[in-house]
């Protein structure tokens, strides 16, 4: 069944950074504050690149999803619905409200939630799973990672670390030699400015949402 979804951010995250400046400086063994401005900028860029690679928002926010299940026109109104209801963000840490055609539902009497996947399962009068009806459904909830998982932090730290060590040399230089006058080899995959290297991709792949292309 076709399903139109409108997502609204109710309470945005204060910052979208996936790692703290303190943790990055500890990794790089930096004690001073001279590079803090640069590091903060690169942390934000690397965090944005990681979220973009994963095709999802990773930090915790309060959002509202409005679902509009498709149905045939009168008199052929489609009686079926959606099972289960997939929220646009996960993991889900709290559900503030669920409205079905304007009527408030309660957990666990009317539905159950699967926090890790963002699934909402509609229940019938006997507490058995059933389809959500082809009616407007509005869900307000809190979703995202808090705290950020260690492997996500590790991925962003690796991206920032690569940028740190690329500051003092040509980032495209792969190899150079002196005998015979001079020779140099360059490459493009540097890890700079959010480029995802294989080791970082390996850490992020568990959080990535596949994108289907028509």
C-alpha atoms as a PDB file:
ATOM      1  CA  UNK A   1       0.000   0.000   0.000  1.00  0.00           C
ATOM      2  CA  UNK A   2       1.228   3.487  -0.850  1.00  0.00           C
ATOM      3  CA  UNK A   3       2.091   5.561   2.187  1.00  0.00           C
ATOM      4  CA  UNK A   4       2.792   9.305   2.238  1.00  0.00           C
ATOM      5  CA  UNK A   5       4.855  10.540   5.194  1.00  0.00           C
ATOM      6  CA  UNK A   6       5.518  14.062   6.458  1.00  0.00           C
ATOM      7  CA  UNK A   7       8.224  14.395   9.120  1.00  0.00           C
ATOM      8  CA  UNK A   8       8.570  17.514  11.275  1.00  0.00           C
ATOM      9  CA  UNK A   9      11.382  18.181  13.748  1.00  0.00           C
ATOM     10  CA  UNK A  10       9.720  19.248  17.006  1.00  0.00           C
ATOM     11  CA  UNK A  11      12.857  19.637  19.132  1.00  0.00           C
ATOM     12  CA  UNK A  12      16.107  19.662  17.154  1.00  0.00           C
ATOM     13  CA  UNK A  13      19.364  18.444  18.606  1.00  0.00           C
ATOM     14  CA  UNK A  14      21.570  21.153  20.084  1.00  0.00           C
ATOM     15  CA  UNK A  15      24.469  19.816  17.988  1.00  0.00           C
ATOM     16  CA  UNK A  16      24.747  17.133  15.311  1.00  0.00           C
ATOM     17  CA  UNK A  17      28.327  16.246  16.273  1.00  0.00           C
ATOM     18  CA  UNK A  18      28.871  12.534  16.869  1.00  0.00           C
ATOM     19  CA  UNK A  19      32.015  12.939  18.984  1.00  0.00           C
ATOM     20  CA  UNK A  20      33.276  15.482  21.487  1.00  0.00           C
ATOM     21  CA  UNK A  21      36.244  17.781  21.093  1.00  0.00           C
ATOM     22  CA  UNK A  22      37.722  16.288  24.264  1.00  0.00           C
ATOM     23  CA  UNK A  23      37.706  12.745  22.852  1.00  0.00           C
ATOM     24  CA  UNK A  24      39.287  13.888  19.593  1.00  0.00           C
ATOM     25  CA  UNK A  25      42.052  15.785  21.415  1.00  0.00           C
ATOM     26  CA  UNK A  26      42.713  12.759  23.608  1.00  0.00           C
ATOM     27  CA  UNK A  27      43.115  10.590  20.495  1.00  0.00           C
ATOM     28  CA  UNK A  28      45.463  13.114  18.900  1.00  0.00           C
ATOM     29  CA  UNK A  29      47.314  13.775  22.186  1.00  0.00           C
ATOM     30  CA  UNK A  30      46.613  17.515  21.948  1.00  0.00           C
ATOM     31  CA  UNK A  31      46.687  19.443  25.217  1.00  0.00           C
ATOM     32  CA  UNK A  32      46.507  23.063  24.065  1.00  0.00           C
ATOM     33  CA  UNK A  33      43.549  25.013  22.678  1.00  0.00           C
ATOM     34  CA  UNK A  34      45.161  26.585  19.602  1.00  0.00           C
ATOM     35  CA  UNK A  35      43.538  24.077  17.225  1.00  0.00           C
ATOM     36  CA  UNK A  36      40.110  23.950  18.911  1.00  0.00           C
ATOM     37  CA  UNK A  37      38.345  26.119  16.334  1.00  0.00           C
ATOM     38  CA  UNK A  38      39.674  24.056  13.444  1.00  0.00           C
ATOM     39  CA  UNK A  39      38.929  20.763  15.198  1.00  0.00           C
ATOM     40  CA  UNK A  40      35.352  21.776  16.030  1.00  0.00           C
ATOM     41  CA  UNK A  41      34.756  22.666  12.392  1.00  0.00           C
ATOM     42  CA  UNK A  42      36.149  19.358  11.136  1.00  0.00           C
ATOM     43  CA  UNK A  43      34.224  17.368  13.766  1.00  0.00           C
ATOM     44  CA  UNK A  44      30.984  18.904  12.493  1.00  0.00           C
ATOM     45  CA  UNK A  45      31.919  18.203   8.874  1.00  0.00           C
ATOM     46  CA  UNK A  46      32.911  14.599   9.599  1.00  0.00           C
ATOM     47  CA  UNK A  47      29.734  14.030  11.624  1.00  0.00           C
ATOM     48  CA  UNK A  48      27.627  15.383   8.755  1.00  0.00           C
ATOM     49  CA  UNK A  49      29.481  13.167   6.287  1.00  0.00           C
ATOM     50  CA  UNK A  50      28.870  10.109   8.468  1.00  0.00           C
ATOM     51  CA  UNK A  51      25.153  10.883   8.757  1.00  0.00           C
ATOM     52  CA  UNK A  52      24.902  11.471   5.008  1.00  0.00           C
ATOM     53  CA  UNK A  53      26.675   8.177   4.301  1.00  0.00           C
ATOM     54  CA  UNK A  54      24.232   6.391   6.615  1.00  0.00           C
ATOM     55  CA  UNK A  55      21.257   8.172   4.966  1.00  0.00           C
ATOM     56  CA  UNK A  56      19.729   8.992   8.336  1.00  0.00           C
ATOM     57  CA  UNK A  57      19.832  11.372  11.306  1.00  0.00           C
ATOM     58  CA  UNK A  58      21.872   9.766  14.083  1.00  0.00           C
ATOM     59  CA  UNK A  59      21.626  12.269  16.948  1.00  0.00           C
ATOM     60  CA  UNK A  60      18.607  12.281  19.258  1.00  0.00           C
ATOM     61  CA  UNK A  61      15.701  14.591  18.396  1.00  0.00           C
ATOM     62  CA  UNK A  62      11.968  14.871  19.004  1.00  0.00           C
ATOM     63  CA  UNK A  63      10.094  14.457  15.732  1.00  0.00           C
ATOM     64  CA  UNK A  64       6.543  14.094  14.459  1.00  0.00           C
ATOM     65  CA  UNK A  65       5.620  11.677  11.665  1.00  0.00           C
ATOM     66  CA  UNK A  66       2.331  12.115   9.830  1.00  0.00           C
ATOM     67  CA  UNK A  67       1.266   9.013   7.884  1.00  0.00           C
ATOM     68  CA  UNK A  68      -1.324   9.085   5.114  1.00  0.00           C
ATOM     69  CA  UNK A  69      -2.031   5.531   3.895  1.00  0.00           C
ATOM     70  CA  UNK A  70      -3.225   5.366   0.314  1.00  0.00           C
ATOM     71  CA  UNK A  71      -6.763   4.134  -0.324  1.00  0.00           C
ATOM     72  CA  UNK A  72      -9.262   3.894  -3.154  1.00  0.00           C
ATOM     73  CA  UNK A  73     -12.018   6.431  -3.569  1.00  0.00           C
ATOM     74  CA  UNK A  74     -15.603   5.869  -2.456  1.00  0.00           C
ATOM     75  CA  UNK A  75     -17.279   3.377  -2.719  1.00  0.00           C
ATOM     76  CA  UNK A  76     -14.168   1.210  -3.131  1.00  0.00           C
ATOM     77  CA  UNK A  77     -12.463   2.371   0.063  1.00  0.00           C
ATOM     78  CA  UNK A  78      -9.536   0.070   0.749  1.00  0.00           C
ATOM     79  CA  UNK A  79     -10.123  -1.680   4.106  1.00  0.00           C
ATOM     80  CA  UNK A  80      -6.512  -2.781   4.529  1.00  0.00           C
ATOM     81  CA  UNK A  81      -3.693  -0.779   6.072  1.00  0.00           C
ATOM     82  CA  UNK A  82      -0.082  -0.833   7.157  1.00  0.00           C
ATOM     83  CA  UNK A  83       1.594  -3.553   9.228  1.00  0.00           C
ATOM     84  CA  UNK A  84       3.764  -2.664  11.005  1.00  0.00           C
ATOM     85  CA  UNK A  85       4.101   1.121  10.946  1.00  0.00           C
ATOM     86  CA  UNK A  86       7.722   2.119  10.264  1.00  0.00           C
ATOM     87  CA  UNK A  87       8.745   5.398  11.890  1.00  0.00           C
ATOM     88  CA  UNK A  88      11.230   7.532   9.990  1.00  0.00           C
ATOM     89  CA  UNK A  89      13.727   7.667  12.881  1.00  0.00           C
ATOM     90  CA  UNK A  90      15.154   5.025  15.179  1.00  0.00           C
ATOM     91  CA  UNK A  91      16.125   3.835  17.759  1.00  0.00           C
ATOM     92  CA  UNK A  92      13.020   5.120  19.524  1.00  0.00           C
ATOM     93  CA  UNK A  93      13.565   6.123  23.146  1.00  0.00           C
ATOM     94  CA  UNK A  94      10.086   7.522  23.909  1.00  0.00           C
ATOM     95  CA  UNK A  95       6.689   7.879  22.244  1.00  0.00           C
ATOM     96  CA  UNK A  96       4.835  11.011  23.323  1.00  0.00           C
ATOM     97  CA  UNK A  97       1.595  10.461  21.443  1.00  0.00           C
ATOM     98  CA  UNK A  98      -0.045   8.342  18.746  1.00  0.00           C
ATOM     99  CA  UNK A  99      -3.199   9.648  17.067  1.00  0.00           C
ATOM    100  CA  UNK A 100      -5.267   7.490  14.727  1.00  0.00           C
ATOM    101  CA  UNK A 101      -7.732   9.666  12.818  1.00  0.00           C
ATOM    102  CA  UNK A 102      -7.478  12.145  15.707  1.00  0.00           C
ATOM    103  CA  UNK A 103      -8.097   9.552  18.433  1.00  0.00           C
ATOM    104  CA  UNK A 104      -5.306   9.012  21.005  1.00  0.00           C
ATOM    105  CA  UNK A 105      -3.951   5.478  21.346  1.00  0.00           C
ATOM    106  CA  UNK A 106      -2.085   4.037  24.319  1.00  0.00           C
ATOM    107  CA  UNK A 107       0.765   1.603  24.821  1.00  0.00           C
ATOM    108  CA  UNK A 108       0.351  -1.328  25.481  1.00  0.00           C
ATOM    109  CA  UNK A 109      -3.443  -1.445  25.099  1.00  0.00           C
ATOM    110  CA  UNK A 110      -3.612  -0.249  21.473  1.00  0.00           C
ATOM    111  CA  UNK A 111      -0.105  -0.699  20.111  1.00  0.00           C
ATOM    112  CA  UNK A 112       3.393  -1.894  20.973  1.00  0.00           C
ATOM    113  CA  UNK A 113       6.690  -0.456  19.859  1.00  0.00           C
ATOM    114  CA  UNK A 114      10.013  -1.994  18.876  1.00  0.00           C
ATOM    115  CA  UNK A 115      12.568   0.659  19.905  1.00  0.00           C
ATOM    116  CA  UNK A 116      15.523  -0.671  17.927  1.00  0.00           C
ATOM    117  CA  UNK A 117      13.744  -0.773  14.568  1.00  0.00           C
ATOM    118  CA  UNK A 118      11.202   2.028  14.983  1.00  0.00           C
ATOM    119  CA  UNK A 119       8.260  -0.303  14.361  1.00  0.00           C
ATOM    120  CA  UNK A 120       4.811   0.380  15.845  1.00  0.00           C
ATOM    121  CA  UNK A 121       2.557  -2.687  15.967  1.00  0.00           C
ATOM    122  CA  UNK A 122      -1.194  -2.084  16.092  1.00  0.00           C
ATOM    123  CA  UNK A 123      -3.180  -4.360  18.443  1.00  0.00           C
ATOM    124  CA  UNK A 124      -6.804  -5.455  18.315  1.00  0.00           C
ATOM    125  CA  UNK A 125      -9.184  -5.812  21.276  1.00  0.00           C
ATOM    126  CA  UNK A 126      -7.557  -9.149  22.164  1.00  0.00           C
ATOM    127  CA  UNK A 127      -4.034  -7.688  22.112  1.00  0.00           C
ATOM    128  CA  UNK A 128      -3.206  -9.469  18.859  1.00  0.00           C
ATOM    129  CA  UNK A 129      -1.289  -7.692  16.075  1.00  0.00           C
ATOM    130  CA  UNK A 130      -3.350  -6.328  13.206  1.00  0.00           C
ATOM    131  CA  UNK A 131      -2.921  -3.836  10.388  1.00  0.00           C
ATOM    132  CA  UNK A 132      -3.067  -0.125  10.964  1.00  0.00           C
ATOM    133  CA  UNK A 133      -6.196   1.162   9.208  1.00  0.00           C
ATOM    134  CA  UNK A 134      -6.106   3.361   6.097  1.00  0.00           C
ATOM    135  CA  UNK A 135      -6.600   6.469   8.227  1.00  0.00           C
ATOM    136  CA  UNK A 136      -4.378   9.472   9.075  1.00  0.00           C
ATOM    137  CA  UNK A 137      -1.872   8.528  11.790  1.00  0.00           C
ATOM    138  CA  UNK A 138       0.299  11.040  13.673  1.00  0.00           C
ATOM    139  CA  UNK A 139       3.147   9.932  15.929  1.00  0.00           C
ATOM    140  CA  UNK A 140       5.317  12.231  18.043  1.00  0.00           C
ATOM    141  CA  UNK A 141       8.370  10.580  19.546  1.00  0.00           C
ATOM    142  CA  UNK A 142      12.017  10.864  20.546  1.00  0.00           C
ATOM    143  CA  UNK A 143      14.545   8.952  18.459  1.00  0.00           C
ATOM    144  CA  UNK A 144      18.277   8.818  17.862  1.00  0.00           C
ATOM    145  CA  UNK A 145      21.388   7.704  19.695  1.00  0.00           C
ATOM    146  CA  UNK A 146      22.186   9.066  23.140  1.00  0.00           C
ATOM    147  CA  UNK A 147      24.907   8.335  23.989  1.00  0.00           C
ATOM    148  CA  UNK A 148      26.474   7.886  20.553  1.00  0.00           C
ATOM    149  CA  UNK A 149      27.682   4.267  20.093  1.00  0.00           C
ATOM    150  CA  UNK A 150      31.426   3.730  20.398  1.00  0.00           C
ATOM    151  CA  UNK A 151      31.871   2.512  16.815  1.00  0.00           C
ATOM    152  CA  UNK A 152      30.146   5.613  15.417  1.00  0.00           C
ATOM    153  CA  UNK A 153      32.420   7.803  17.508  1.00  0.00           C
ATOM    154  CA  UNK A 154      35.429   5.805  16.339  1.00  0.00           C
ATOM    155  CA  UNK A 155      34.446   6.345  12.699  1.00  0.00           C
ATOM    156  CA  UNK A 156      34.235  10.120  13.100  1.00  0.00           C
ATOM    157  CA  UNK A 157      37.461  10.280  15.118  1.00  0.00           C
ATOM    158  CA  UNK A 158      39.255   8.423  12.305  1.00  0.00           C
ATOM    159  CA  UNK A 159      37.954  10.952   9.763  1.00  0.00           C
ATOM    160  CA  UNK A 160      39.110  13.899  11.897  1.00  0.00           C
ATOM    161  CA  UNK A 161      42.453  12.217  12.583  1.00  0.00           C
ATOM    162  CA  UNK A 162      43.063  11.777   8.850  1.00  0.00           C
ATOM    163  CA  UNK A 163      42.375  15.471   8.270  1.00  0.00           C
ATOM    164  CA  UNK A 164      44.713  16.408  11.124  1.00  0.00           C
ATOM    165  CA  UNK A 165      47.691  14.578   9.636  1.00  0.00           C
ATOM    166  CA  UNK A 166      46.924  15.832   6.127  1.00  0.00           C
ATOM    167  CA  UNK A 167      47.218  19.480   7.179  1.00  0.00           C
ATOM    168  CA  UNK A 168      51.001  19.693   6.705  1.00  0.00           C
ATOM    169  CA  UNK A 169      51.357  17.867   3.364  1.00  0.00           C
ATOM    170  CA  UNK A 170      49.783  17.548  -0.048  1.00  0.00           C
ATOM    171  CA  UNK A 171      46.741  15.318   0.603  1.00  0.00           C
ATOM    172  CA  UNK A 172      46.980  13.804  -2.891  1.00  0.00           C
ATOM    173  CA  UNK A 173      50.632  12.743  -2.585  1.00  0.00           C
ATOM    174  CA  UNK A 174      50.953   8.973  -2.347  1.00  0.00           C
ATOM    175  CA  UNK A 175      54.626   8.356  -3.070  1.00  0.00           C
ATOM    176  CA  UNK A 176      57.736  10.318  -4.014  1.00  0.00           C
ATOM    177  CA  UNK A 177      61.403   9.476  -4.590  1.00  0.00           C
ATOM    178  CA  UNK A 178      64.704  11.281  -5.249  1.00  0.00           C
ATOM    179  CA  UNK A 179      66.999   9.055  -7.416  1.00  0.00           C
ATOM    180  CA  UNK A 180      66.964   9.768 -11.112  1.00  0.00           C
ATOM    181  CA  UNK A 181      65.917  13.386 -10.408  1.00  0.00           C
ATOM    182  CA  UNK A 182      62.335  13.161  -9.044  1.00  0.00           C
ATOM    183  CA  UNK A 183      59.198  11.053  -9.181  1.00  0.00           C
ATOM    184  CA  UNK A 184      55.862  11.409  -7.434  1.00  0.00           C
ATOM    185  CA  UNK A 185      52.631   9.407  -7.323  1.00  0.00           C
ATOM    186  CA  UNK A 186      49.289  10.917  -6.373  1.00  0.00           C
ATOM    187  CA  UNK A 187      45.935   9.475  -5.435  1.00  0.00           C
ATOM    188  CA  UNK A 188      42.471  10.842  -4.730  1.00  0.00           C
ATOM    189  CA  UNK A 189      41.130   8.784  -1.810  1.00  0.00           C
ATOM    190  CA  UNK A 190      42.455  10.834   1.109  1.00  0.00           C
ATOM    191  CA  UNK A 191      39.758  10.798   3.741  1.00  0.00           C
ATOM    192  CA  UNK A 192      39.716  14.594   3.647  1.00  0.00           C
ATOM    193  CA  UNK A 193      36.581  16.693   3.965  1.00  0.00           C
ATOM    194  CA  UNK A 194      34.337  13.774   4.743  1.00  0.00           C
ATOM    195  CA  UNK A 195      35.551  11.254   2.132  1.00  0.00           C
ATOM    196  CA  UNK A 196      34.703   7.806   3.485  1.00  0.00           C
ATOM    197  CA  UNK A 197      37.731   5.502   3.574  1.00  0.00           C
ATOM    198  CA  UNK A 198      37.242   1.708   3.708  1.00  0.00           C
ATOM    199  CA  UNK A 199      37.950   1.417   7.438  1.00  0.00           C
ATOM    200  CA  UNK A 200      35.450   4.177   8.243  1.00  0.00           C
ATOM    201  CA  UNK A 201      32.870   2.700   5.866  1.00  0.00           C
ATOM    202  CA  UNK A 202      33.244  -0.654   7.618  1.00  0.00           C
ATOM    203  CA  UNK A 203      32.293   0.980  10.926  1.00  0.00           C
ATOM    204  CA  UNK A 204      29.373   2.948   9.453  1.00  0.00           C
ATOM    205  CA  UNK A 205      27.847   0.189   7.323  1.00  0.00           C
ATOM    206  CA  UNK A 206      25.955  -1.318  10.270  1.00  0.00           C
ATOM    207  CA  UNK A 207      24.029   1.964  10.572  1.00  0.00           C
ATOM    208  CA  UNK A 208      23.491   2.620   6.882  1.00  0.00           C
ATOM    209  CA  UNK A 209      20.038   2.716   5.311  1.00  0.00           C
ATOM    210  CA  UNK A 210      20.079   1.444   1.715  1.00  0.00           C
ATOM    211  CA  UNK A 211      18.710   3.806  -0.921  1.00  0.00           C
ATOM    212  CA  UNK A 212      16.690   2.299  -3.757  1.00  0.00           C
ATOM    213  CA  UNK A 213      16.951   3.930  -7.147  1.00  0.00           C
ATOM    214  CA  UNK A 214      14.164   3.618  -9.674  1.00  0.00           C
END
